[in-house]
Every structure is written in structure tokens, then in C-alpha cells.
Amino acid sequence: MQGWIEGKVRLMQFLCTTNDLVSGLQTVGKAVSSRASLPILTGILFDAGAGRLGLTASDLDVSIETTVPASIVEPGRSVIPARYITELARKLPPADVRFTTEPDGGSVKIEVGRAEYRINTMDPDEFPAFPECKGKAELEISPDTFSGLARLSTFAAATDESRPFLSGVLMEISPGELTMVATDTFRLSIAHAKQDGITGEMGGVIVPAKVISEVARLSGGLCQTIKVAIDDTQIGFSFEFTRVTARLIEGKFPNYRLVIPDHYLARMRVSVKPLLEAVDRVSVLAKNDADAIGQVRLYACEGVLVITANTPDLGGAREEIQVSREGRDAEVVLRARYLLEALKALEQEDAVLDITGAGSPVCVRDRLEGGSYTHLIMPVVTD
């Protein structure tokens, strides 16, 4: 058993900076479990050896492993409760910190300057092994491309898990292209990116949206490439000094292609910032205790898009913005937050906005031809 030699505990001992420690704990922290029934998963595995300190957390669905710079005095392993080591590390001053497991193996001593702390530990041999993903399909993608796809898709996923497949992002891998799709049934977001170097075939898999978002956050600015491997049950990401593995979500994702409109009543080329700001202001008077999201009405006429809200017990608002319109006059009622989030995701100056009917989805695109983003918002049907 690692950590034990001739009946005696091997004293794990290492030194690192508090900044590096906090960074590593923040990297793996999202995978820490809150399950009281499996106490070992509420801890973080510290693995000191081979000139580096490894940190691992897992809730059995998602596992994250990273390494941080450290000076290893004695190699060894220990599982430290995540809640306490993370809170303590954040409050430590910038300095070198020394970790030493106690001779009985039941606690770890943490020394910073003249301060000393002890935290009870758990048996590292009970901590689950990090899952290895033997990819049937593999690709390498730039962090900028990955984070762009994540930004344009994940916000549309369902936040409740009553239907787990809707809390995930559909990743479709096809020759030369990677697509991410998410929906909570009230809106649908589709993002594409050209992607070379895809090996193997996998079709579509459903990845937890929180995992997509976390990989985008962790990899940003730290590496040149994210390596992705997918098999029948899990997906793995590796970049710089970090690995993330997650179970795929079972279930059948809706056939999103069937709901993409092939027509419009009014098509507008809009400036994103003025529209975003106008909807944001009007939405202030669209909310009340009965409707925390708020509804806004869009009315497209020649050269102008009118945005209004009317809440009888509160008041109302009306704004106009200049647009370039094709088609005819049309109007639709939408939930303000859904439109705001769709526009915020764009991060560009102009967009295309289609009104397809009072009872049909509004379509937001980054561009008319050859675009990489399509977002549908279901209307609010009114009398």
C-alpha cells in the first residue's frame, strides 16, 4: 500500500507557495463532491512525487487533476478535506507553505512562517483512481475556439436536472467541423467552428454544460491546444498541467434541425450594442413579482424596431432603434432575459434578427451567410 513501508507511515512533506496552492485548489475545486454518504469524495487528493505536487478531486461524474510547482522533500499521498484546506489557503498571506503528514497518518501539519495548522486527513487508498478516456474520437482545438463555442451555447442549457439530457451540450463531430448545441426548450443555441485534425468518428455526444464551461474557464490563456478524447461513456480534456474527465449524459437530444425556421416575416440587420442596451432598459419596467424575467414586445416596421413593455401595476416603456429591414411589418413577444443573453453571447457589432411569426421562434444569427451562430427564442403567446 503506497504511503506505508515496513508498518510505518511515510511522511509526505513538500513546500509550495500559497499562490500556487490556491490556484491548484481552485482548478480542481469544481469537481469536489458534497455527498456526505461518500466522505472521501469531499476531499482533495494530494500526491507529492516525481518533483511535482498533484491535486485531484472527483464526484465520480467529473474528475479534475492538476499539478502545481512544489519542492518535494518526502513523496507521499494524503486526502485533505476540500472545504477546510481551500478556505485556509485563501486566507494565508503570500509566502511559502510547508505540508507534513503526521506520524500516525491521520492528520497533516501546515506551516506558514511562525503559524501552524493541523487538519485531519483521510486514507488516500480509498480515493478513486483517475478515469482514463480511451478515445474512439480525438481532436485538438485551440482554447479560443473552444471558449467561443462554449460562450455561444452553454447559457441555453437547462439549469435543472429533471431531464438530464437538457442540462448538457450536444457535441457533434463531423469531418472538418465541431458543433455545440444546447436547449432548455424555451431557447436553442447552435454554434459551429471549422475544425481540422479530427480522428475517429463519434457522431453526437451530450456533455454536461458545466463541464464545457469549466474547461473553457480553466484553459483560457494557459495553453495553445486542448486535447479532447471521447469514448462510449466519457469525455476527456487535457491541457497544460490539467486533465478533466466527465461522464457523458445518457438520453436522446432533441432533433434541433427540425425547429430552425426556413422563412421570415421580417428580417433585420441590427447593431448589437444599441439593441442590447435598449432591451436592457425597457426590461426594467417589464418585471414584477409575478414575472421575474419580464416580457418585451418587438415590433418591426420600415427602418425601425420598436421595443416596448407594459406592466399594469408598474408602468411601461418604449424605445426605438434604427434597423435595416426586409419583409413586412411583424411583431412578437419575448422573455427579455433570453434575448439579452443571446445578444451578449455574440461579442460583435452587428447581427441578423428574424421575426418568423407571433407564435414562431425568433432567430438571431451572427451573419446571414456562412455564420457560426444561430439562436432561437420561443415567443410568449399572448391573447
Protein backbone atom coordinates (compact mmCIF):
# COMPACT_ATOMS: atom_id res chain seq x y z
CA MET A 1 0.00 0.00 0.00
CA GLN A 2 1.54 3.32 -1.07
CA GLY A 3 2.45 5.52 1.90
CA TRP A 4 3.30 2.54 4.11
CA ILE A 5 6.73 0.88 4.43
CA GLU A 6 7.53 -1.85 6.95
CA GLY A 7 4.49 -0.91 9.01
CA LYS A 8 5.47 2.76 9.28
CA VAL A 9 3.86 5.78 7.69
CA ARG A 10 5.95 7.53 5.07
CA LEU A 11 5.93 11.21 5.98
CA MET A 12 4.76 13.20 2.98
CA GLN A 13 6.43 16.58 3.02
CA PHE A 14 6.57 19.35 0.45
CA LEU A 15 6.83 23.11 0.11
CA CYS A 16 4.97 25.39 -2.28
CA THR A 17 3.80 28.99 -2.42
CA THR A 18 0.36 29.94 -1.16
CA ASN A 19 -0.43 31.47 -4.58
CA ASP A 20 0.33 28.20 -6.39
CA LEU A 21 -1.62 26.24 -3.79
CA VAL A 22 -4.71 28.45 -4.13
CA SER A 23 -4.53 28.28 -7.93
CA GLY A 24 -4.37 24.48 -7.88
CA LEU A 25 -7.22 24.16 -5.37
CA GLN A 26 -9.40 26.48 -7.46
CA THR A 27 -8.68 24.39 -10.54
CA VAL A 28 -9.90 21.11 -9.06
CA GLY A 29 -12.49 22.56 -6.69
CA LYS A 30 -15.49 22.31 -9.04
CA ALA A 31 -15.19 18.50 -9.00
CA VAL A 32 -15.37 18.14 -5.22
CA SER A 33 -18.45 16.19 -4.16
CA SER A 34 -20.90 17.28 -1.46
CA ARG A 35 -22.11 13.71 -0.86
CA ALA A 36 -21.98 13.01 2.87
CA SER A 37 -22.50 9.32 2.06
CA LEU A 38 -19.04 9.20 0.45
CA PRO A 39 -16.80 11.32 2.70
CA ILE A 40 -13.65 10.54 0.70
CA LEU A 41 -15.08 12.50 -2.25
CA THR A 42 -15.37 15.64 -0.12
CA GLY A 43 -11.59 15.72 -0.01
CA ILE A 44 -8.79 16.57 -2.42
CA LEU A 45 -6.05 14.04 -3.09
CA PHE A 46 -2.56 15.48 -2.57
CA ASP A 47 0.04 13.38 -4.39
CA ALA A 48 3.62 14.54 -3.85
CA GLY A 49 6.16 12.80 -6.02
CA ALA A 50 8.45 12.96 -9.04
CA GLY A 51 9.24 16.61 -8.45
CA ARG A 52 5.65 17.83 -8.56
CA LEU A 53 2.51 18.09 -6.48
CA GLY A 54 -0.62 16.59 -7.98
CA LEU A 55 -4.11 17.64 -6.84
CA THR A 56 -7.19 15.60 -7.75
CA ALA A 57 -10.90 15.96 -6.99
CA SER A 58 -13.80 13.79 -8.14
CA ASP A 59 -17.54 13.40 -7.61
CA LEU A 60 -17.47 10.21 -9.75
CA ASP A 61 -19.21 12.05 -12.60
CA VAL A 62 -16.50 14.67 -13.10
CA SER A 63 -12.82 14.32 -12.18
CA ILE A 64 -10.21 17.09 -12.37
CA GLU A 65 -6.48 16.64 -11.90
CA THR A 66 -3.78 19.31 -11.99
CA THR A 67 -0.17 19.80 -10.92
CA VAL A 68 1.40 22.77 -9.17
CA PRO A 69 5.06 23.71 -8.67
CA ALA A 70 6.42 22.33 -5.41
CA SER A 71 9.62 21.25 -3.74
CA ILE A 72 9.14 17.62 -2.69
CA VAL A 73 11.02 16.68 0.48
CA GLU A 74 9.34 13.29 1.01
CA PRO A 75 6.95 11.75 -1.55
CA GLY A 76 3.58 10.50 -0.40
CA ARG A 77 -0.19 10.93 -0.63
CA SER A 78 -2.96 12.27 1.57
CA VAL A 79 -6.61 13.28 1.20
CA ILE A 80 -7.40 16.61 2.86
CA PRO A 81 -10.99 17.87 3.31
CA ALA A 82 -11.54 20.34 0.48
CA ARG A 83 -13.68 22.79 2.42
CA TYR A 84 -11.09 23.46 5.10
CA ILE A 85 -7.89 23.42 3.08
CA THR A 86 -9.41 25.69 0.43
CA GLU A 87 -10.73 28.22 2.94
CA LEU A 88 -7.46 28.21 4.87
CA ALA A 89 -5.32 28.56 1.75
CA ARG A 90 -7.30 31.60 0.59
CA LYS A 91 -6.68 33.33 3.91
CA LEU A 92 -2.95 32.63 4.11
CA PRO A 93 -0.56 35.51 3.33
CA PRO A 94 1.69 35.28 0.24
CA ALA A 95 4.51 33.05 1.47
CA ASP A 96 5.99 29.57 1.29
CA VAL A 97 3.87 26.90 2.95
CA ARG A 98 5.09 23.52 4.22
CA PHE A 99 2.87 20.42 4.40
CA THR A 100 3.90 17.45 6.55
CA THR A 101 1.77 14.39 7.32
CA GLU A 102 1.85 13.44 10.98
CA PRO A 103 3.47 10.13 12.03
CA ASP A 104 0.10 8.50 12.70
CA GLY A 105 -1.05 9.33 9.16
CA GLY A 106 -4.29 10.80 10.47
CA SER A 107 -3.57 14.49 10.01
CA VAL A 108 -1.41 16.96 8.13
CA LYS A 109 0.56 19.84 9.60
CA ILE A 110 0.61 23.07 7.63
CA GLU A 111 3.27 25.66 8.46
CA VAL A 112 3.50 29.23 7.20
CA GLY A 113 6.12 31.37 8.90
CA ARG A 114 5.52 31.03 12.62
CA ALA A 115 1.92 29.86 12.18
CA GLU A 116 0.95 26.20 12.34
CA TYR A 117 -2.31 24.43 11.46
CA ARG A 118 -3.44 20.80 11.62
CA ILE A 119 -6.23 19.22 9.57
CA ASN A 120 -7.45 15.64 9.93
CA THR A 121 -6.97 13.63 6.74
CA MET A 122 -8.49 10.59 5.03
CA ASP A 123 -6.97 7.41 3.60
CA PRO A 124 -5.62 8.09 0.08
CA ASP A 125 -6.10 4.45 -0.90
CA GLU A 126 -9.88 4.98 -0.68
CA PHE A 127 -9.77 7.79 -3.24
CA PRO A 128 -10.96 6.66 -6.70
CA ALA A 129 -8.38 6.27 -9.45
CA PHE A 130 -8.48 8.96 -12.11
CA PRO A 131 -10.57 7.64 -15.05
CA GLU A 132 -8.70 7.17 -18.31
CA CYS A 133 -10.57 8.01 -21.51
CA LYS A 134 -9.53 5.80 -24.43
CA GLY A 135 -10.82 7.92 -27.24
CA LYS A 136 -12.78 6.49 -30.14
CA ALA A 137 -12.70 10.03 -31.47
CA GLU A 138 -9.96 12.57 -30.79
CA LEU A 139 -9.25 16.15 -31.74
CA GLU A 140 -7.11 19.10 -30.78
CA ILE A 141 -8.75 22.51 -30.55
CA SER A 142 -7.49 25.96 -29.66
CA PRO A 143 -8.72 27.40 -26.34
CA ASP A 144 -10.08 30.46 -28.15
CA THR A 145 -12.20 28.33 -30.48
CA PHE A 146 -13.40 26.12 -27.63
CA SER A 147 -14.29 29.04 -25.36
CA GLY A 148 -16.12 30.72 -28.25
CA LEU A 149 -18.27 27.65 -28.81
CA ALA A 150 -18.89 27.37 -25.07
CA ARG A 151 -19.85 31.03 -24.78
CA LEU A 152 -22.34 30.74 -27.63
CA SER A 153 -24.02 27.56 -26.40
CA THR A 154 -23.83 26.70 -22.71
CA PHE A 155 -26.07 29.51 -21.42
CA ALA A 156 -29.05 27.96 -23.25
CA ALA A 157 -28.80 24.62 -21.41
CA ALA A 158 -31.36 23.78 -18.73
CA THR A 159 -30.23 24.53 -15.18
CA ASP A 160 -32.43 21.90 -13.53
CA GLU A 161 -31.69 18.22 -13.97
CA SER A 162 -35.23 16.85 -14.18
CA ARG A 163 -34.36 15.96 -17.77
CA PRO A 164 -30.60 15.42 -17.62
CA PHE A 165 -30.02 15.45 -21.38
CA LEU A 166 -31.23 19.08 -21.49
CA SER A 167 -28.65 20.11 -18.88
CA GLY A 168 -25.93 19.12 -21.31
CA VAL A 169 -24.42 20.37 -24.53
CA LEU A 170 -24.69 18.23 -27.64
CA MET A 171 -21.23 17.97 -29.22
CA GLU A 172 -21.36 16.89 -32.84
CA ILE A 173 -18.12 15.88 -34.50
CA SER A 174 -18.09 15.72 -38.27
CA PRO A 175 -15.25 15.92 -40.81
CA GLY A 176 -13.79 19.41 -40.58
CA GLU A 177 -16.36 20.80 -38.13
CA LEU A 178 -17.27 20.82 -34.45
CA THR A 179 -20.77 21.87 -33.35
CA MET A 180 -22.15 22.59 -29.88
CA VAL A 181 -25.92 22.75 -29.29
CA ALA A 182 -27.87 23.49 -26.10
CA THR A 183 -31.55 23.98 -25.30
CA ASP A 184 -33.85 24.30 -22.31
CA THR A 185 -36.86 24.04 -24.70
CA PHE A 186 -37.52 27.79 -24.39
CA ARG A 187 -34.46 28.64 -26.48
CA LEU A 188 -31.95 26.84 -28.64
CA SER A 189 -28.34 27.78 -29.33
CA ILE A 190 -26.21 26.33 -32.13
CA ALA A 191 -22.53 27.17 -32.56
CA HIS A 192 -20.19 25.84 -35.26
CA ALA A 193 -16.44 26.01 -35.78
CA LYS A 194 -14.21 24.70 -38.52
CA GLN A 195 -12.01 22.02 -37.04
CA ASP A 196 -9.22 20.05 -38.68
CA GLY A 197 -7.36 17.06 -37.29
CA ILE A 198 -10.36 15.05 -36.10
CA THR A 199 -9.56 11.34 -35.86
CA GLY A 200 -12.19 8.63 -35.49
CA GLU A 201 -15.95 9.02 -35.63
CA MET A 202 -18.35 9.56 -32.75
CA GLY A 203 -21.40 11.41 -34.03
CA GLY A 204 -23.11 13.36 -31.26
CA VAL A 205 -22.49 13.06 -27.52
CA ILE A 206 -24.08 15.00 -24.64
CA VAL A 207 -21.56 16.63 -22.31
CA PRO A 208 -22.59 18.34 -19.03
CA ALA A 209 -22.79 22.07 -19.74
CA LYS A 210 -20.95 22.86 -16.51
CA VAL A 211 -18.01 20.76 -17.74
CA ILE A 212 -17.85 22.62 -21.06
CA SER A 213 -17.91 25.94 -19.18
CA GLU A 214 -15.27 24.82 -16.70
CA VAL A 215 -12.86 23.58 -19.37
CA ALA A 216 -13.27 26.89 -21.21
CA ARG A 217 -12.53 28.78 -17.99
CA LEU A 218 -9.57 26.69 -16.92
CA SER A 219 -7.84 26.59 -20.30
CA GLY A 220 -8.20 30.27 -21.15
CA GLY A 221 -4.82 31.94 -21.62
CA LEU A 222 -2.89 28.95 -20.28
CA CYS A 223 -2.23 26.78 -23.31
CA GLN A 224 -2.16 26.61 -27.09
CA THR A 225 -4.16 23.40 -27.50
CA ILE A 226 -6.88 21.43 -25.75
CA LYS A 227 -6.75 17.70 -26.47
CA VAL A 228 -10.18 16.06 -26.49
CA ALA A 229 -10.84 12.30 -26.39
CA ILE A 230 -14.31 10.73 -26.46
CA ASP A 231 -15.42 7.14 -25.95
CA ASP A 232 -18.78 5.47 -25.37
CA THR A 233 -19.26 6.67 -21.79
CA GLN A 234 -16.95 9.59 -21.10
CA ILE A 235 -15.06 12.55 -22.49
CA GLY A 236 -11.58 13.70 -21.53
CA PHE A 237 -9.88 17.07 -21.88
CA SER A 238 -6.18 17.70 -21.30
CA PHE A 239 -4.25 20.96 -21.47
CA GLU A 240 -1.13 22.40 -19.89
CA PHE A 241 -0.89 20.66 -16.48
CA THR A 242 -4.58 19.80 -16.14
CA ARG A 243 -6.88 16.91 -17.07
CA VAL A 244 -10.68 16.84 -16.89
CA THR A 245 -12.74 13.69 -17.41
CA ALA A 246 -16.55 13.57 -17.30
CA ARG A 247 -19.26 11.00 -17.81
CA LEU A 248 -21.39 11.58 -20.86
CA ILE A 249 -25.09 12.20 -20.27
CA GLU A 250 -27.38 9.42 -21.44
CA GLY A 251 -30.52 10.20 -23.38
CA LYS A 252 -31.63 11.37 -26.80
CA PHE A 253 -31.06 15.02 -27.60
CA PRO A 254 -33.94 16.71 -29.47
CA ASN A 255 -33.65 16.89 -33.26
CA TYR A 256 -32.89 20.60 -33.28
CA ARG A 257 -32.72 20.87 -37.06
CA LEU A 258 -36.50 20.40 -37.29
CA VAL A 259 -37.24 23.68 -35.48
CA ILE A 260 -34.90 26.01 -37.39
CA PRO A 261 -37.18 28.33 -39.41
CA ASP A 262 -36.77 28.38 -43.19
CA HIS A 263 -38.75 31.61 -43.62
CA TYR A 264 -39.26 35.03 -42.05
CA LEU A 265 -41.84 37.79 -41.93
CA ALA A 266 -39.32 40.50 -41.05
CA ARG A 267 -35.53 40.22 -41.31
CA MET A 268 -33.46 42.95 -39.70
CA ARG A 269 -29.79 43.78 -39.66
CA VAL A 270 -29.24 45.31 -36.26
CA SER A 271 -26.42 46.91 -34.30
CA VAL A 272 -25.97 44.65 -31.29
CA LYS A 273 -24.97 47.21 -28.66
CA PRO A 274 -27.87 49.67 -29.19
CA LEU A 275 -30.39 46.80 -29.26
CA LEU A 276 -28.88 45.19 -26.17
CA GLU A 277 -28.93 48.45 -24.24
CA ALA A 278 -32.49 49.31 -25.31
CA VAL A 279 -33.86 45.89 -24.32
CA ASP A 280 -31.98 46.10 -21.03
CA ARG A 281 -33.54 49.46 -20.18
CA VAL A 282 -37.06 48.51 -21.27
CA SER A 283 -36.88 45.25 -19.32
CA VAL A 284 -36.60 47.20 -16.06
CA LEU A 285 -40.30 48.00 -16.38
CA ALA A 286 -41.21 44.57 -17.71
CA LYS A 287 -40.65 42.73 -14.43
CA ASN A 288 -42.91 42.29 -11.45
CA ASP A 289 -43.45 39.83 -8.63
CA ALA A 290 -45.44 37.53 -10.91
CA ASP A 291 -42.86 37.56 -13.72
CA ALA A 292 -39.25 37.93 -12.59
CA ILE A 293 -37.92 37.51 -16.14
CA GLY A 294 -40.18 40.07 -17.82
CA GLN A 295 -41.64 40.26 -21.31
CA VAL A 296 -40.85 42.74 -24.08
CA ARG A 297 -42.67 43.26 -27.35
CA LEU A 298 -40.70 43.73 -30.57
CA TYR A 299 -42.41 45.48 -33.46
CA ALA A 300 -40.53 45.64 -36.76
CA CYS A 301 -41.60 48.33 -39.20
CA GLU A 302 -39.84 50.15 -42.03
CA GLY A 303 -36.37 51.13 -40.80
CA VAL A 304 -37.25 50.91 -37.10
CA LEU A 305 -37.51 48.26 -34.40
CA VAL A 306 -39.80 49.30 -31.55
CA ILE A 307 -39.24 47.68 -28.13
CA THR A 308 -41.99 48.07 -25.55
CA ALA A 309 -43.03 46.77 -22.15
CA ASN A 310 -46.32 47.25 -20.36
CA THR A 311 -46.82 46.12 -16.78
CA PRO A 312 -50.20 47.36 -15.47
CA ASP A 313 -49.22 47.55 -11.81
CA LEU A 314 -45.83 49.11 -12.56
CA GLY A 315 -45.78 51.18 -15.72
CA GLY A 316 -44.37 50.85 -19.20
CA ALA A 317 -41.51 51.70 -21.54
CA ARG A 318 -40.93 52.28 -25.25
CA GLU A 319 -37.73 52.64 -27.27
CA GLU A 320 -36.87 52.69 -30.96
CA ILE A 321 -33.66 51.73 -32.71
CA GLN A 322 -32.73 52.11 -36.36
CA VAL A 323 -32.52 48.88 -38.37
CA SER A 324 -32.29 47.71 -41.96
CA ARG A 325 -35.40 45.61 -42.59
CA GLU A 326 -36.52 43.19 -45.28
CA GLY A 327 -40.02 41.74 -45.48
CA ARG A 328 -43.06 43.27 -43.84
CA ASP A 329 -44.23 44.64 -40.51
CA ALA A 330 -44.21 41.97 -37.80
CA GLU A 331 -44.28 41.72 -34.03
CA VAL A 332 -43.52 39.19 -31.34
CA VAL A 333 -43.37 39.00 -27.53
CA LEU A 334 -40.24 37.53 -25.91
CA ARG A 335 -38.83 37.00 -22.47
CA ALA A 336 -36.36 39.85 -22.09
CA ARG A 337 -33.60 37.86 -20.40
CA TYR A 338 -33.49 35.29 -23.18
CA LEU A 339 -32.96 37.99 -25.81
CA LEU A 340 -30.38 39.78 -23.68
CA GLU A 341 -28.34 36.61 -23.14
CA ALA A 342 -28.45 35.74 -26.84
CA LEU A 343 -27.13 39.19 -27.75
CA LYS A 344 -24.47 39.27 -25.03
CA ALA A 345 -23.03 35.99 -26.29
CA LEU A 346 -22.33 37.47 -29.72
CA GLU A 347 -19.47 39.85 -28.86
CA GLN A 348 -19.69 41.55 -32.26
CA GLU A 349 -21.10 44.78 -33.68
CA ASP A 350 -23.88 43.53 -35.97
CA ALA A 351 -26.34 40.65 -36.13
CA VAL A 352 -29.33 39.37 -38.09
CA LEU A 353 -32.70 39.17 -36.33
CA ASP A 354 -35.64 37.32 -37.92
CA ILE A 355 -39.25 37.53 -36.73
CA THR A 356 -40.99 34.48 -38.17
CA GLY A 357 -44.46 34.93 -36.66
CA ALA A 358 -46.21 35.72 -33.38
CA GLY A 359 -46.22 32.03 -32.43
CA SER A 360 -42.91 31.02 -34.03
CA PRO A 361 -39.33 31.36 -32.78
CA VAL A 362 -37.28 34.49 -33.25
CA CYS A 363 -33.94 33.72 -34.88
CA VAL A 364 -30.70 35.54 -34.01
CA ARG A 365 -27.68 34.94 -36.26
CA ASP A 366 -24.16 36.32 -36.31
CA ARG A 367 -24.40 36.71 -40.08
CA LEU A 368 -26.72 35.78 -42.91
CA GLU A 369 -24.39 33.55 -44.93
CA GLY A 370 -21.63 31.31 -43.61
CA GLY A 371 -22.33 32.16 -39.98
CA SER A 372 -21.23 30.20 -36.93
CA TYR A 373 -24.08 31.08 -34.53
CA THR A 374 -27.83 30.51 -34.69
CA HIS A 375 -30.03 31.15 -31.67
CA LEU A 376 -33.79 30.55 -31.46
CA ILE A 377 -36.06 32.06 -28.81
CA MET A 378 -39.59 30.77 -28.39
CA PRO A 379 -42.16 33.57 -28.18
CA VAL A 380 -44.58 34.25 -25.37
CA VAL A 381 -48.03 33.58 -26.79
CA THR A 382 -50.47 36.33 -25.78
CA ASP A 383 -54.16 36.87 -26.42
